[in-house]
């Protein structure tokens, strides 16, 4: 696992994607999400997001971490001003950042087949 600073730098440099990677649960991930998953060893986080079968076309997913207690809360909202529709608590995590946010949007990479695409906020 990379350091928190190295991971923050990687996130800040993720401003688009050259290819999409399909998660085994069906959603597509951008290059930035794949890199974060590897750098922070947080496959579990992407699995947790993918495991929720939501119907909203746009979703905001956020992981907030208590770095001292090593606990975390994952939430999903449709809009930043609305209450969370999903809330999952993790009793233990070694995720090195105090928070990370993703957008999950229904779209299409071929113009025909719809797919949910998970991206870092910089990649939107």
N, C-alpha and C. Protein backbone atom coordinates (compact mmCIF):
# COMPACT_ATOMS: atom_id res chain seq x y z
N UNK A 1 0.84 -1.17 0.00
CA UNK A 1 0.00 0.00 0.00
C UNK A 1 0.89 1.24 0.00
N UNK A 2 0.49 2.22 -0.80
CA UNK A 2 1.23 3.48 -0.85
C UNK A 2 0.87 4.35 0.34
N UNK A 3 1.66 5.38 0.56
CA UNK A 3 1.38 6.30 1.66
C UNK A 3 0.17 7.17 1.31
N UNK A 4 -0.40 7.79 2.35
CA UNK A 4 -1.55 8.67 2.14
C UNK A 4 -1.20 9.80 1.16
N UNK A 5 -0.02 10.37 1.29
CA UNK A 5 0.38 11.46 0.40
C UNK A 5 0.51 10.97 -1.05
N UNK A 6 1.09 9.82 -1.26
CA UNK A 6 1.20 9.26 -2.61
C UNK A 6 -0.18 9.01 -3.21
N UNK A 7 -1.10 8.54 -2.39
CA UNK A 7 -2.46 8.26 -2.86
C UNK A 7 -3.17 9.57 -3.21
N UNK A 8 -3.03 10.59 -2.36
CA UNK A 8 -3.64 11.91 -2.66
C UNK A 8 -3.11 12.47 -3.98
N UNK A 9 -1.81 12.34 -4.21
CA UNK A 9 -1.22 12.81 -5.46
C UNK A 9 -1.82 12.05 -6.64
N UNK A 10 -1.94 10.74 -6.50
CA UNK A 10 -2.54 9.93 -7.57
C UNK A 10 -3.96 10.35 -7.88
N UNK A 11 -4.75 10.60 -6.84
CA UNK A 11 -6.13 11.06 -7.03
C UNK A 11 -6.16 12.40 -7.74
N UNK A 12 -5.29 13.32 -7.33
CA UNK A 12 -5.30 14.65 -7.94
C UNK A 12 -4.90 14.61 -9.41
N UNK A 13 -4.15 13.62 -9.81
CA UNK A 13 -3.72 13.49 -11.21
C UNK A 13 -4.73 12.76 -12.08
N UNK A 14 -5.75 12.19 -11.47
CA UNK A 14 -6.77 11.45 -12.22
C UNK A 14 -7.82 12.43 -12.72
N UNK A 15 -7.69 12.83 -13.97
CA UNK A 15 -8.61 13.82 -14.52
C UNK A 15 -9.37 13.31 -15.74
N UNK A 16 -9.28 12.06 -16.00
CA UNK A 16 -9.99 11.45 -17.13
C UNK A 16 -9.62 9.98 -17.18
N UNK A 17 -10.07 9.31 -18.19
CA UNK A 17 -9.73 7.89 -18.31
C UNK A 17 -9.46 7.54 -19.75
N UNK A 18 -8.55 6.62 -19.95
CA UNK A 18 -8.25 6.13 -21.29
C UNK A 18 -8.97 4.82 -21.58
N UNK A 19 -9.26 4.08 -20.51
CA UNK A 19 -10.00 2.83 -20.70
C UNK A 19 -10.83 2.56 -19.46
N UNK A 20 -11.85 1.76 -19.62
CA UNK A 20 -12.71 1.36 -18.53
C UNK A 20 -12.43 -0.10 -18.20
N UNK A 21 -12.46 -0.39 -16.91
CA UNK A 21 -12.24 -1.76 -16.44
C UNK A 21 -13.54 -2.24 -15.83
N UNK A 22 -13.97 -3.42 -16.23
CA UNK A 22 -15.23 -3.97 -15.72
C UNK A 22 -14.98 -4.68 -14.39
N UNK A 23 -15.74 -4.27 -13.39
CA UNK A 23 -15.72 -4.93 -12.09
C UNK A 23 -16.50 -6.24 -12.23
N UNK A 24 -16.16 -7.25 -11.45
CA UNK A 24 -16.83 -8.54 -11.61
C UNK A 24 -18.33 -8.47 -11.31
N UNK A 25 -18.79 -7.41 -10.64
CA UNK A 25 -20.22 -7.24 -10.39
C UNK A 25 -20.90 -6.40 -11.46
N UNK A 26 -20.17 -6.02 -12.51
CA UNK A 26 -20.78 -5.39 -13.66
C UNK A 26 -20.49 -3.93 -13.91
N UNK A 27 -20.23 -3.15 -12.86
CA UNK A 27 -20.01 -1.73 -13.13
C UNK A 27 -18.64 -1.51 -13.78
N UNK A 28 -18.49 -0.37 -14.42
CA UNK A 28 -17.23 -0.01 -15.06
C UNK A 28 -16.47 0.95 -14.17
N UNK A 29 -15.16 0.82 -14.14
CA UNK A 29 -14.31 1.68 -13.32
C UNK A 29 -13.36 2.45 -14.24
N UNK A 30 -13.12 3.70 -13.89
CA UNK A 30 -12.16 4.51 -14.62
C UNK A 30 -10.74 4.14 -14.20
N UNK A 31 -9.77 4.67 -14.93
CA UNK A 31 -8.36 4.43 -14.59
C UNK A 31 -8.05 4.89 -13.16
N UNK A 32 -8.60 6.02 -12.75
CA UNK A 32 -8.35 6.56 -11.43
C UNK A 32 -8.85 5.66 -10.32
N UNK A 33 -10.03 5.09 -10.51
CA UNK A 33 -10.60 4.17 -9.52
C UNK A 33 -9.74 2.91 -9.43
N UNK A 34 -9.34 2.38 -10.56
CA UNK A 34 -8.49 1.18 -10.58
C UNK A 34 -7.17 1.47 -9.88
N UNK A 35 -6.59 2.64 -10.14
CA UNK A 35 -5.31 3.00 -9.51
C UNK A 35 -5.48 3.16 -8.00
N UNK A 36 -6.54 3.83 -7.57
CA UNK A 36 -6.80 3.98 -6.14
C UNK A 36 -6.99 2.62 -5.47
N UNK A 37 -7.74 1.76 -6.12
CA UNK A 37 -7.99 0.41 -5.60
C UNK A 37 -6.68 -0.32 -5.34
N UNK A 38 -5.74 -0.17 -6.25
CA UNK A 38 -4.44 -0.83 -6.10
C UNK A 38 -3.55 -0.10 -5.09
N UNK A 39 -3.46 1.23 -5.20
CA UNK A 39 -2.57 2.01 -4.33
C UNK A 39 -2.95 1.92 -2.86
N UNK A 40 -4.25 1.93 -2.57
CA UNK A 40 -4.73 1.91 -1.19
C UNK A 40 -5.15 0.51 -0.75
N UNK A 41 -4.98 -0.46 -1.62
CA UNK A 41 -5.38 -1.84 -1.33
C UNK A 41 -6.82 -1.87 -0.81
N UNK A 42 -7.71 -1.20 -1.56
CA UNK A 42 -9.10 -1.07 -1.10
C UNK A 42 -10.07 -1.73 -2.09
N UNK A 43 -9.75 -2.94 -2.48
CA UNK A 43 -10.66 -3.70 -3.33
C UNK A 43 -12.01 -3.84 -2.63
N UNK A 44 -11.98 -4.01 -1.32
CA UNK A 44 -13.19 -4.16 -0.51
C UNK A 44 -14.13 -2.96 -0.66
N UNK A 45 -13.57 -1.76 -0.80
CA UNK A 45 -14.38 -0.56 -0.92
C UNK A 45 -15.14 -0.56 -2.24
N UNK A 46 -14.46 -0.88 -3.31
CA UNK A 46 -15.12 -0.92 -4.63
C UNK A 46 -16.15 -2.04 -4.66
N UNK A 47 -15.82 -3.18 -4.04
CA UNK A 47 -16.78 -4.28 -3.94
C UNK A 47 -18.03 -3.85 -3.18
N UNK A 48 -17.84 -3.10 -2.09
CA UNK A 48 -18.99 -2.64 -1.30
C UNK A 48 -19.89 -1.73 -2.14
N UNK A 49 -19.30 -0.80 -2.87
CA UNK A 49 -20.09 0.10 -3.72
C UNK A 49 -20.82 -0.70 -4.80
N UNK A 50 -20.11 -1.61 -5.43
CA UNK A 50 -20.71 -2.41 -6.52
C UNK A 50 -21.80 -3.34 -6.02
N UNK A 51 -21.76 -3.72 -4.75
CA UNK A 51 -22.72 -4.70 -4.24
C UNK A 51 -24.12 -4.12 -4.07
N UNK A 52 -24.24 -2.81 -4.03
CA UNK A 52 -25.56 -2.19 -3.90
C UNK A 52 -26.19 -2.03 -5.27
N UNK A 53 -27.33 -2.63 -5.46
CA UNK A 53 -28.05 -2.52 -6.73
C UNK A 53 -28.99 -1.34 -6.64
N UNK A 54 -28.52 -0.17 -7.03
CA UNK A 54 -29.28 1.06 -6.96
C UNK A 54 -29.84 1.39 -8.35
N UNK A 55 -30.89 2.18 -8.38
CA UNK A 55 -31.50 2.55 -9.66
C UNK A 55 -31.30 4.02 -10.02
N UNK A 56 -30.74 4.80 -9.09
CA UNK A 56 -30.52 6.22 -9.37
C UNK A 56 -29.49 6.37 -10.50
N UNK A 57 -29.73 7.32 -11.39
CA UNK A 57 -28.81 7.52 -12.51
C UNK A 57 -27.52 8.21 -12.10
N UNK A 58 -27.55 8.94 -10.99
CA UNK A 58 -26.35 9.60 -10.49
C UNK A 58 -26.29 9.40 -8.99
N UNK A 59 -25.13 8.96 -8.51
CA UNK A 59 -24.95 8.66 -7.10
C UNK A 59 -23.62 9.24 -6.61
N UNK A 60 -23.63 9.75 -5.39
CA UNK A 60 -22.41 10.24 -4.75
C UNK A 60 -22.08 9.28 -3.62
N UNK A 61 -20.95 8.62 -3.73
CA UNK A 61 -20.48 7.68 -2.70
C UNK A 61 -19.32 8.31 -1.96
N UNK A 62 -19.36 8.24 -0.62
CA UNK A 62 -18.29 8.82 0.16
C UNK A 62 -17.92 7.90 1.32
N UNK A 63 -16.63 7.70 1.48
CA UNK A 63 -16.10 6.95 2.61
C UNK A 63 -15.45 7.95 3.55
N UNK A 64 -15.92 7.99 4.79
CA UNK A 64 -15.31 8.83 5.82
C UNK A 64 -14.66 7.91 6.84
N UNK A 65 -13.39 8.19 7.12
CA UNK A 65 -12.59 7.31 7.97
C UNK A 65 -12.16 8.04 9.23
N UNK A 66 -12.31 7.38 10.36
CA UNK A 66 -11.72 7.85 11.60
C UNK A 66 -10.35 7.18 11.69
N UNK A 67 -9.31 7.93 11.36
CA UNK A 67 -7.97 7.35 11.26
C UNK A 67 -7.44 6.85 12.61
N UNK A 68 -7.88 7.45 13.71
CA UNK A 68 -7.42 7.01 15.02
C UNK A 68 -8.07 5.68 15.43
N UNK A 69 -9.38 5.59 15.22
CA UNK A 69 -10.12 4.37 15.60
C UNK A 69 -10.05 3.28 14.54
N UNK A 70 -9.63 3.67 13.32
CA UNK A 70 -9.57 2.77 12.18
C UNK A 70 -10.95 2.19 11.83
N UNK A 71 -11.96 3.06 11.92
CA UNK A 71 -13.31 2.70 11.52
C UNK A 71 -13.71 3.60 10.35
N UNK A 72 -14.79 3.23 9.67
CA UNK A 72 -15.23 4.03 8.52
C UNK A 72 -16.73 3.89 8.32
N UNK A 73 -17.27 4.88 7.60
CA UNK A 73 -18.68 4.86 7.21
C UNK A 73 -18.75 5.19 5.72
N UNK A 74 -19.43 4.33 4.98
CA UNK A 74 -19.65 4.52 3.55
C UNK A 74 -21.10 4.96 3.36
N UNK A 75 -21.30 6.06 2.63
CA UNK A 75 -22.65 6.54 2.36
C UNK A 75 -22.86 6.77 0.87
N UNK A 76 -24.14 6.74 0.49
CA UNK A 76 -24.52 7.07 -0.88
C UNK A 76 -25.67 8.05 -0.83
N UNK A 77 -25.53 9.12 -1.61
CA UNK A 77 -26.58 10.13 -1.75
C UNK A 77 -26.83 10.35 -3.24
N UNK A 78 -28.03 10.83 -3.55
CA UNK A 78 -28.32 11.25 -4.92
C UNK A 78 -27.85 12.67 -5.15
N UNK A 79 -27.83 13.45 -4.08
CA UNK A 79 -27.47 14.86 -4.15
C UNK A 79 -26.80 15.20 -2.84
N UNK A 80 -25.82 16.07 -2.86
CA UNK A 80 -25.08 16.39 -1.64
C UNK A 80 -25.96 17.04 -0.57
N UNK A 81 -27.10 17.62 -0.96
CA UNK A 81 -27.99 18.27 -0.01
C UNK A 81 -29.04 17.34 0.58
N UNK A 82 -29.10 16.10 0.11
CA UNK A 82 -30.13 15.16 0.56
C UNK A 82 -29.53 14.15 1.54
N UNK A 83 -30.38 13.53 2.34
CA UNK A 83 -29.87 12.52 3.28
C UNK A 83 -29.36 11.27 2.55
N UNK A 84 -28.52 10.53 3.22
CA UNK A 84 -27.95 9.31 2.63
C UNK A 84 -29.03 8.26 2.43
N UNK A 85 -28.97 7.59 1.29
CA UNK A 85 -29.88 6.47 1.01
C UNK A 85 -29.24 5.14 1.41
N UNK A 86 -27.92 5.14 1.49
CA UNK A 86 -27.17 3.95 1.90
C UNK A 86 -26.18 4.39 2.96
N UNK A 87 -26.05 3.59 4.00
CA UNK A 87 -25.04 3.84 5.02
C UNK A 87 -24.52 2.48 5.50
N UNK A 88 -23.23 2.28 5.34
CA UNK A 88 -22.61 1.04 5.78
C UNK A 88 -21.41 1.38 6.66
N UNK A 89 -21.39 0.79 7.85
CA UNK A 89 -20.31 1.04 8.79
C UNK A 89 -19.30 -0.11 8.74
N UNK A 90 -18.02 0.26 8.84
CA UNK A 90 -16.94 -0.71 8.87
C UNK A 90 -16.26 -0.63 10.23
N UNK A 91 -16.22 -1.73 10.94
CA UNK A 91 -15.63 -1.76 12.28
C UNK A 91 -14.11 -1.64 12.25
N UNK A 92 -13.52 -1.99 11.11
CA UNK A 92 -12.07 -1.86 10.97
C UNK A 92 -11.72 -1.57 9.53
N UNK A 93 -10.78 -0.65 9.34
CA UNK A 93 -10.21 -0.41 8.02
C UNK A 93 -8.79 0.12 8.18
N UNK A 94 -7.95 -0.21 7.23
CA UNK A 94 -6.61 0.37 7.19
C UNK A 94 -6.51 1.39 6.05
N UNK A 95 -7.66 1.85 5.55
CA UNK A 95 -7.67 2.85 4.48
C UNK A 95 -6.92 4.08 4.97
N UNK A 96 -5.93 4.57 4.24
CA UNK A 96 -5.03 5.60 4.75
C UNK A 96 -5.51 7.04 4.67
N UNK A 97 -6.62 7.30 4.00
CA UNK A 97 -7.13 8.68 3.88
C UNK A 97 -8.32 8.87 4.80
N UNK A 98 -8.57 10.12 5.21
CA UNK A 98 -9.71 10.37 6.08
C UNK A 98 -11.03 10.39 5.31
N UNK A 99 -10.97 10.58 4.01
CA UNK A 99 -12.18 10.44 3.19
C UNK A 99 -11.81 10.31 1.72
N UNK A 100 -12.74 9.78 0.98
CA UNK A 100 -12.63 9.70 -0.47
C UNK A 100 -14.06 9.71 -1.02
N UNK A 101 -14.21 10.36 -2.17
CA UNK A 101 -15.54 10.49 -2.77
C UNK A 101 -15.50 9.99 -4.20
N UNK A 102 -16.60 9.34 -4.60
CA UNK A 102 -16.76 8.82 -5.96
C UNK A 102 -18.10 9.29 -6.51
N UNK A 103 -18.18 9.34 -7.83
CA UNK A 103 -19.45 9.49 -8.51
C UNK A 103 -19.71 8.19 -9.25
N UNK A 104 -20.96 7.77 -9.22
CA UNK A 104 -21.40 6.60 -9.98
C UNK A 104 -22.54 7.08 -10.87
N UNK A 105 -22.34 6.97 -12.17
CA UNK A 105 -23.33 7.51 -13.10
C UNK A 105 -23.70 6.49 -14.14
N UNK A 106 -24.99 6.44 -14.46
CA UNK A 106 -25.46 5.61 -15.54
C UNK A 106 -25.10 6.29 -16.85
N UNK A 107 -24.40 5.59 -17.70
CA UNK A 107 -23.98 6.14 -18.98
C UNK A 107 -23.77 5.02 -19.97
N UNK A 108 -22.96 5.30 -20.96
CA UNK A 108 -22.63 4.30 -21.98
C UNK A 108 -21.28 4.64 -22.57
N UNK A 109 -20.44 3.65 -22.75
CA UNK A 109 -19.14 3.91 -23.37
C UNK A 109 -19.17 3.62 -24.86
N UNK A 110 -20.22 2.94 -25.32
CA UNK A 110 -20.31 2.65 -26.75
C UNK A 110 -21.51 3.32 -27.41
N UNK A 111 -22.27 4.10 -26.63
CA UNK A 111 -23.42 4.80 -27.17
C UNK A 111 -24.66 3.93 -27.32
N UNK A 112 -24.56 2.65 -26.97
CA UNK A 112 -25.68 1.74 -27.13
C UNK A 112 -26.06 1.07 -25.81
N UNK A 113 -25.09 0.45 -25.18
CA UNK A 113 -25.34 -0.35 -23.98
C UNK A 113 -25.16 0.50 -22.72
N UNK A 114 -26.21 0.59 -21.89
CA UNK A 114 -26.08 1.36 -20.65
C UNK A 114 -25.20 0.64 -19.64
N UNK A 115 -24.49 1.42 -18.84
CA UNK A 115 -23.62 0.85 -17.81
C UNK A 115 -23.42 1.88 -16.72
N UNK A 116 -23.27 1.40 -15.50
CA UNK A 116 -22.90 2.28 -14.40
C UNK A 116 -21.39 2.44 -14.42
N UNK A 117 -20.94 3.69 -14.34
CA UNK A 117 -19.51 4.01 -14.40
C UNK A 117 -19.11 4.67 -13.08
N UNK A 118 -18.15 4.05 -12.40
CA UNK A 118 -17.63 4.57 -11.14
C UNK A 118 -16.37 5.37 -11.43
N UNK A 119 -16.35 6.61 -10.92
CA UNK A 119 -15.21 7.50 -11.20
C UNK A 119 -14.86 8.31 -9.97
N UNK A 120 -13.63 8.77 -9.93
CA UNK A 120 -13.24 9.74 -8.93
C UNK A 120 -13.87 11.08 -9.31
N UNK A 121 -14.06 11.95 -8.34
CA UNK A 121 -14.74 13.22 -8.65
C UNK A 121 -13.98 14.05 -9.66
N UNK A 122 -12.64 13.96 -9.69
CA UNK A 122 -11.85 14.70 -10.67
C UNK A 122 -12.09 14.21 -12.09
N UNK A 123 -12.56 13.00 -12.22
CA UNK A 123 -12.74 12.39 -13.55
C UNK A 123 -14.12 12.69 -14.14
N UNK A 124 -14.97 13.36 -13.40
CA UNK A 124 -16.34 13.64 -13.87
C UNK A 124 -16.33 14.72 -14.92
